[in-house]
Amino acid sequence: METIKVILWGREVGRLMWDRRKKNSYFTLNPDFKKSGWDIAPPANADKFTKS
């Protein structure tokens, strides 16, 4: 299994893994990043915030 660290703003967000045999990817969130409370996902209604 191949693994990469996902880094954002100098902090490890989590790890992304690729299983060649199963041809599947997995992401695990770093518990310390989760505790930080940072919300890095775009809002579900992001289209309301874009200019036409």
PDB file of N, CA and C in Angstrom:
ATOM      1  N   MET A   1       0.835  -1.160   0.000  1.00  0.00           N
ATOM      2  CA  MET A   1       0.000   0.000   0.000  1.00  0.00           C
ATOM      3  C   MET A   1       0.891   1.238   0.000  1.00  0.00           C
ATOM      4  N   GLU A   2       0.597   2.166  -0.883  1.00  0.00           N
ATOM      5  CA  GLU A   2       1.342   3.421  -0.955  1.00  0.00           C
ATOM      6  C   GLU A   2       0.626   4.482  -0.131  1.00  0.00           C
ATOM      7  N   THR A   3       1.394   5.311   0.578  1.00  0.00           N
ATOM      8  CA  THR A   3       0.812   6.314   1.460  1.00  0.00           C
ATOM      9  C   THR A   3       1.459   7.668   1.226  1.00  0.00           C
ATOM     10  N   ILE A   4       0.624   8.725   1.222  1.00  0.00           N
ATOM     11  CA  ILE A   4       1.152  10.086   1.181  1.00  0.00           C
ATOM     12  C   ILE A   4       0.525  10.888   2.320  1.00  0.00           C
ATOM     13  N   LYS A   5       1.280  11.842   2.839  1.00  0.00           N
ATOM     14  CA  LYS A   5       0.763  12.756   3.847  1.00  0.00           C
ATOM     15  C   LYS A   5       0.077  13.909   3.123  1.00  0.00           C
ATOM     16  N   VAL A   6      -1.087  14.298   3.606  1.00  0.00           N
ATOM     17  CA  VAL A   6      -1.803  15.445   3.065  1.00  0.00           C
ATOM     18  C   VAL A   6      -1.531  16.613   4.008  1.00  0.00           C
ATOM     19  N   ILE A   7      -0.831  17.627   3.479  1.00  0.00           N
ATOM     20  CA  ILE A   7      -0.422  18.779   4.277  1.00  0.00           C
ATOM     21  C   ILE A   7      -1.151  20.021   3.769  1.00  0.00           C
ATOM     22  N   LEU A   8      -1.683  20.810   4.698  1.00  0.00           N
ATOM     23  CA  LEU A   8      -2.354  22.062   4.358  1.00  0.00           C
ATOM     24  C   LEU A   8      -1.928  23.106   5.368  1.00  0.00           C
ATOM     25  N   TRP A   9      -1.435  24.227   4.870  1.00  0.00           N
ATOM     26  CA  TRP A   9      -0.977  25.328   5.729  1.00  0.00           C
ATOM     27  C   TRP A   9       0.025  24.852   6.775  1.00  0.00           C
ATOM     28  N   GLY A  10       0.890  23.921   6.356  1.00  0.00           N
ATOM     29  CA  GLY A  10       1.948  23.440   7.230  1.00  0.00           C
ATOM     30  C   GLY A  10       1.523  22.397   8.254  1.00  0.00           C
ATOM     31  N   ARG A  11       0.271  21.973   8.199  1.00  0.00           N
ATOM     32  CA  ARG A  11      -0.218  20.974   9.159  1.00  0.00           C
ATOM     33  C   ARG A  11      -0.660  19.720   8.423  1.00  0.00           C
ATOM     34  N   GLU A  12      -0.424  18.574   9.045  1.00  0.00           N
ATOM     35  CA  GLU A  12      -0.858  17.315   8.438  1.00  0.00           C
ATOM     36  C   GLU A  12      -2.357  17.134   8.658  1.00  0.00           C
ATOM     37  N   VAL A  13      -3.099  17.120   7.542  1.00  0.00           N
ATOM     38  CA  VAL A  13      -4.544  16.923   7.597  1.00  0.00           C
ATOM     39  C   VAL A  13      -4.857  15.443   7.772  1.00  0.00           C
ATOM     40  N   GLY A  14      -4.133  14.601   7.071  1.00  0.00           N
ATOM     41  CA  GLY A  14      -4.377  13.170   7.149  1.00  0.00           C
ATOM     42  C   GLY A  14      -3.444  12.416   6.220  1.00  0.00           C
ATOM     43  N   ARG A  15      -3.797  11.172   5.943  1.00  0.00           N
ATOM     44  CA  ARG A  15      -3.001  10.313   5.065  1.00  0.00           C
ATOM     45  C   ARG A  15      -3.902   9.727   3.990  1.00  0.00           C
ATOM     46  N   LEU A  16      -3.389   9.716   2.771  1.00  0.00           N
ATOM     47  CA  LEU A  16      -4.100   9.127   1.646  1.00  0.00           C
ATOM     48  C   LEU A  16      -3.337   7.879   1.234  1.00  0.00           C
ATOM     49  N   MET A  17      -4.052   6.767   1.153  1.00  0.00           N
ATOM     50  CA  MET A  17      -3.418   5.494   0.827  1.00  0.00           C
ATOM     51  C   MET A  17      -4.028   4.908  -0.438  1.00  0.00           C
ATOM     52  N   TRP A  18      -3.192   4.228  -1.217  1.00  0.00           N
ATOM     53  CA  TRP A  18      -3.631   3.560  -2.444  1.00  0.00           C
ATOM     54  C   TRP A  18      -3.277   2.088  -2.342  1.00  0.00           C
ATOM     55  N   ASP A  19      -4.284   1.255  -2.474  1.00  0.00           N
ATOM     56  CA  ASP A  19      -4.094  -0.190  -2.446  1.00  0.00           C
ATOM     57  C   ASP A  19      -4.140  -0.681  -3.892  1.00  0.00           C
ATOM     58  N   ARG A  20      -2.975  -0.998  -4.456  1.00  0.00           N
ATOM     59  CA  ARG A  20      -2.897  -1.434  -5.861  1.00  0.00           C
ATOM     60  C   ARG A  20      -3.672  -2.721  -6.109  1.00  0.00           C
ATOM     61  N   ARG A  21      -3.585  -3.624  -5.171  1.00  0.00           N
ATOM     62  CA  ARG A  21      -4.237  -4.918  -5.344  1.00  0.00           C
ATOM     63  C   ARG A  21      -5.756  -4.764  -5.434  1.00  0.00           C
ATOM     64  N   LYS A  22      -6.316  -3.951  -4.555  1.00  0.00           N
ATOM     65  CA  LYS A  22      -7.768  -3.741  -4.544  1.00  0.00           C
ATOM     66  C   LYS A  22      -8.220  -2.600  -5.459  1.00  0.00           C
ATOM     67  N   LYS A  23      -7.219  -1.836  -5.964  1.00  0.00           N
ATOM     68  CA  LYS A  23      -7.502  -0.653  -6.793  1.00  0.00           C
ATOM     69  C   LYS A  23      -8.501   0.265  -6.090  1.00  0.00           C
ATOM     70  N   ASN A  24      -8.116   0.626  -4.860  1.00  0.00           N
ATOM     71  CA  ASN A  24      -8.983   1.444  -4.035  1.00  0.00           C
ATOM     72  C   ASN A  24      -8.138   2.419  -3.224  1.00  0.00           C
ATOM     73  N   SER A  25      -8.679   3.595  -2.964  1.00  0.00           N
ATOM     74  CA  SER A  25      -7.970   4.570  -2.143  1.00  0.00           C
ATOM     75  C   SER A  25      -8.698   4.757  -0.821  1.00  0.00           C
ATOM     76  N   TYR A  26      -7.939   5.177   0.189  1.00  0.00           N
ATOM     77  CA  TYR A  26      -8.463   5.376   1.531  1.00  0.00           C
ATOM     78  C   TYR A  26      -7.876   6.667   2.080  1.00  0.00           C
ATOM     79  N   PHE A  27      -8.672   7.411   2.831  1.00  0.00           N
ATOM     80  CA  PHE A  27      -8.178   8.620   3.491  1.00  0.00           C
ATOM     81  C   PHE A  27      -8.475   8.509   4.974  1.00  0.00           C
ATOM     82  N   THR A  28      -7.467   8.812   5.788  1.00  0.00           N
ATOM     83  CA  THR A  28      -7.673   8.853   7.233  1.00  0.00           C
ATOM     84  C   THR A  28      -7.342  10.257   7.715  1.00  0.00           C
ATOM     85  N   LEU A  29      -8.215  10.823   8.502  1.00  0.00           N
ATOM     86  CA  LEU A  29      -8.041  12.167   9.042  1.00  0.00           C
ATOM     87  C   LEU A  29      -7.146  12.103  10.269  1.00  0.00           C
ATOM     88  N   ASN A  30      -6.195  13.015  10.334  1.00  0.00           N
ATOM     89  CA  ASN A  30      -5.304  13.105  11.488  1.00  0.00           C
ATOM     90  C   ASN A  30      -6.131  13.554  12.699  1.00  0.00           C
ATOM     91  N   PRO A  31      -6.127  12.790  13.793  1.00  0.00           N
ATOM     92  CA  PRO A  31      -6.927  13.153  14.973  1.00  0.00           C
ATOM     93  C   PRO A  31      -6.590  14.542  15.522  1.00  0.00           C
ATOM     94  N   ASP A  32      -5.317  14.936  15.472  1.00  0.00           N
ATOM     95  CA  ASP A  32      -4.934  16.264  15.958  1.00  0.00           C
ATOM     96  C   ASP A  32      -5.521  17.360  15.083  1.00  0.00           C
ATOM     97  N   PHE A  33      -5.563  17.126  13.778  1.00  0.00           N
ATOM     98  CA  PHE A  33      -6.155  18.113  12.884  1.00  0.00           C
ATOM     99  C   PHE A  33      -7.656  18.211  13.136  1.00  0.00           C
ATOM    100  N   LYS A  34      -8.294  17.083  13.350  1.00  0.00           N
ATOM    101  CA  LYS A  34      -9.736  17.082  13.622  1.00  0.00           C
ATOM    102  C   LYS A  34     -10.043  17.880  14.892  1.00  0.00           C
ATOM    103  N   LYS A  35      -9.215  17.728  15.908  1.00  0.00           N
ATOM    104  CA  LYS A  35      -9.403  18.453  17.171  1.00  0.00           C
ATOM    105  C   LYS A  35      -9.220  19.962  17.008  1.00  0.00           C
ATOM    106  N   SER A  36      -8.454  20.367  15.981  1.00  0.00           N
ATOM    107  CA  SER A  36      -8.178  21.794  15.787  1.00  0.00           C
ATOM    108  C   SER A  36      -9.440  22.580  15.438  1.00  0.00           C
ATOM    109  N   GLY A  37     -10.445  21.876  14.882  1.00  0.00           N
ATOM    110  CA  GLY A  37     -11.690  22.550  14.550  1.00  0.00           C
ATOM    111  C   GLY A  37     -11.684  23.257  13.204  1.00  0.00           C
ATOM    112  N   TRP A  38     -10.583  23.191  12.471  1.00  0.00           N
ATOM    113  CA  TRP A  38     -10.513  23.834  11.156  1.00  0.00           C
ATOM    114  C   TRP A  38     -11.463  23.126  10.200  1.00  0.00           C
ATOM    115  N   ASP A  39     -12.297  23.895   9.500  1.00  0.00           N
ATOM    116  CA  ASP A  39     -13.210  23.344   8.509  1.00  0.00           C
ATOM    117  C   ASP A  39     -12.653  23.685   7.132  1.00  0.00           C
ATOM    118  N   ILE A  40     -12.104  22.692   6.447  1.00  0.00           N
ATOM    119  CA  ILE A  40     -11.469  22.955   5.157  1.00  0.00           C
ATOM    120  C   ILE A  40     -12.364  22.575   3.983  1.00  0.00           C
ATOM    121  N   ALA A  41     -13.553  22.050   4.276  1.00  0.00           N
ATOM    122  CA  ALA A  41     -14.462  21.665   3.201  1.00  0.00           C
ATOM    123  C   ALA A  41     -15.270  22.884   2.760  1.00  0.00           C
ATOM    124  N   PRO A  42     -15.520  22.996   1.467  1.00  0.00           N
ATOM    125  CA  PRO A  42     -16.345  24.127   1.014  1.00  0.00           C
ATOM    126  C   PRO A  42     -17.778  23.952   1.501  1.00  0.00           C
ATOM    127  N   PRO A  43     -18.495  25.060   1.684  1.00  0.00           N
ATOM    128  CA  PRO A  43     -19.891  24.926   2.117  1.00  0.00           C
ATOM    129  C   PRO A  43     -20.723  24.192   1.068  1.00  0.00           C
ATOM    130  N   ALA A  44     -21.727  23.496   1.518  1.00  0.00           N
ATOM    131  CA  ALA A  44     -22.581  22.721   0.604  1.00  0.00           C
ATOM    132  C   ALA A  44     -23.292  23.621  -0.394  1.00  0.00           C
ATOM    133  N   ASN A  45     -23.505  24.865  -0.028  1.00  0.00           N
ATOM    134  CA  ASN A  45     -24.193  25.792  -0.923  1.00  0.00           C
ATOM    135  C   ASN A  45     -23.221  26.835  -1.491  1.00  0.00           C
ATOM    136  N   ALA A  46     -22.044  26.386  -1.875  1.00  0.00           N
ATOM    137  CA  ALA A  46     -21.001  27.281  -2.364  1.00  0.00           C
ATOM    138  C   ALA A  46     -21.437  28.093  -3.574  1.00  0.00           C
ATOM    139  N   ASP A  47     -22.369  27.578  -4.368  1.00  0.00           N
ATOM    140  CA  ASP A  47     -22.809  28.303  -5.560  1.00  0.00           C
ATOM    141  C   ASP A  47     -23.484  29.623  -5.215  1.00  0.00           C
ATOM    142  N   LYS A  48     -23.992  29.766  -3.999  1.00  0.00           N
ATOM    143  CA  LYS A  48     -24.609  31.022  -3.580  1.00  0.00           C
ATOM    144  C   LYS A  48     -23.573  32.129  -3.370  1.00  0.00           C
ATOM    145  N   PHE A  49     -22.317  31.738  -3.197  1.00  0.00           N
ATOM    146  CA  PHE A  49     -21.267  32.696  -2.911  1.00  0.00           C
ATOM    147  C   PHE A  49     -20.447  33.067  -4.136  1.00  0.00           C
ATOM    148  N   THR A  50     -20.736  32.474  -5.283  1.00  0.00           N
ATOM    149  CA  THR A  50     -19.973  32.777  -6.489  1.00  0.00           C
ATOM    150  C   THR A  50     -20.649  33.909  -7.251  1.00  0.00           C
ATOM    151  N   LYS A  51     -19.818  34.753  -7.864  1.00  0.00           N
ATOM    152  CA  LYS A  51     -20.347  35.861  -8.650  1.00  0.00           C
ATOM    153  C   LYS A  51     -20.685  35.401 -10.050  1.00  0.00           C
ATOM    154  N   SER A  52     -21.730  35.949 -10.600  1.00  0.00           N
ATOM    155  CA  SER A  52     -22.151  35.601 -11.959  1.00  0.00           C
ATOM    156  C   SER A  52     -21.392  36.423 -12.980  1.00  0.00           C
TER     157      SER A  52
END
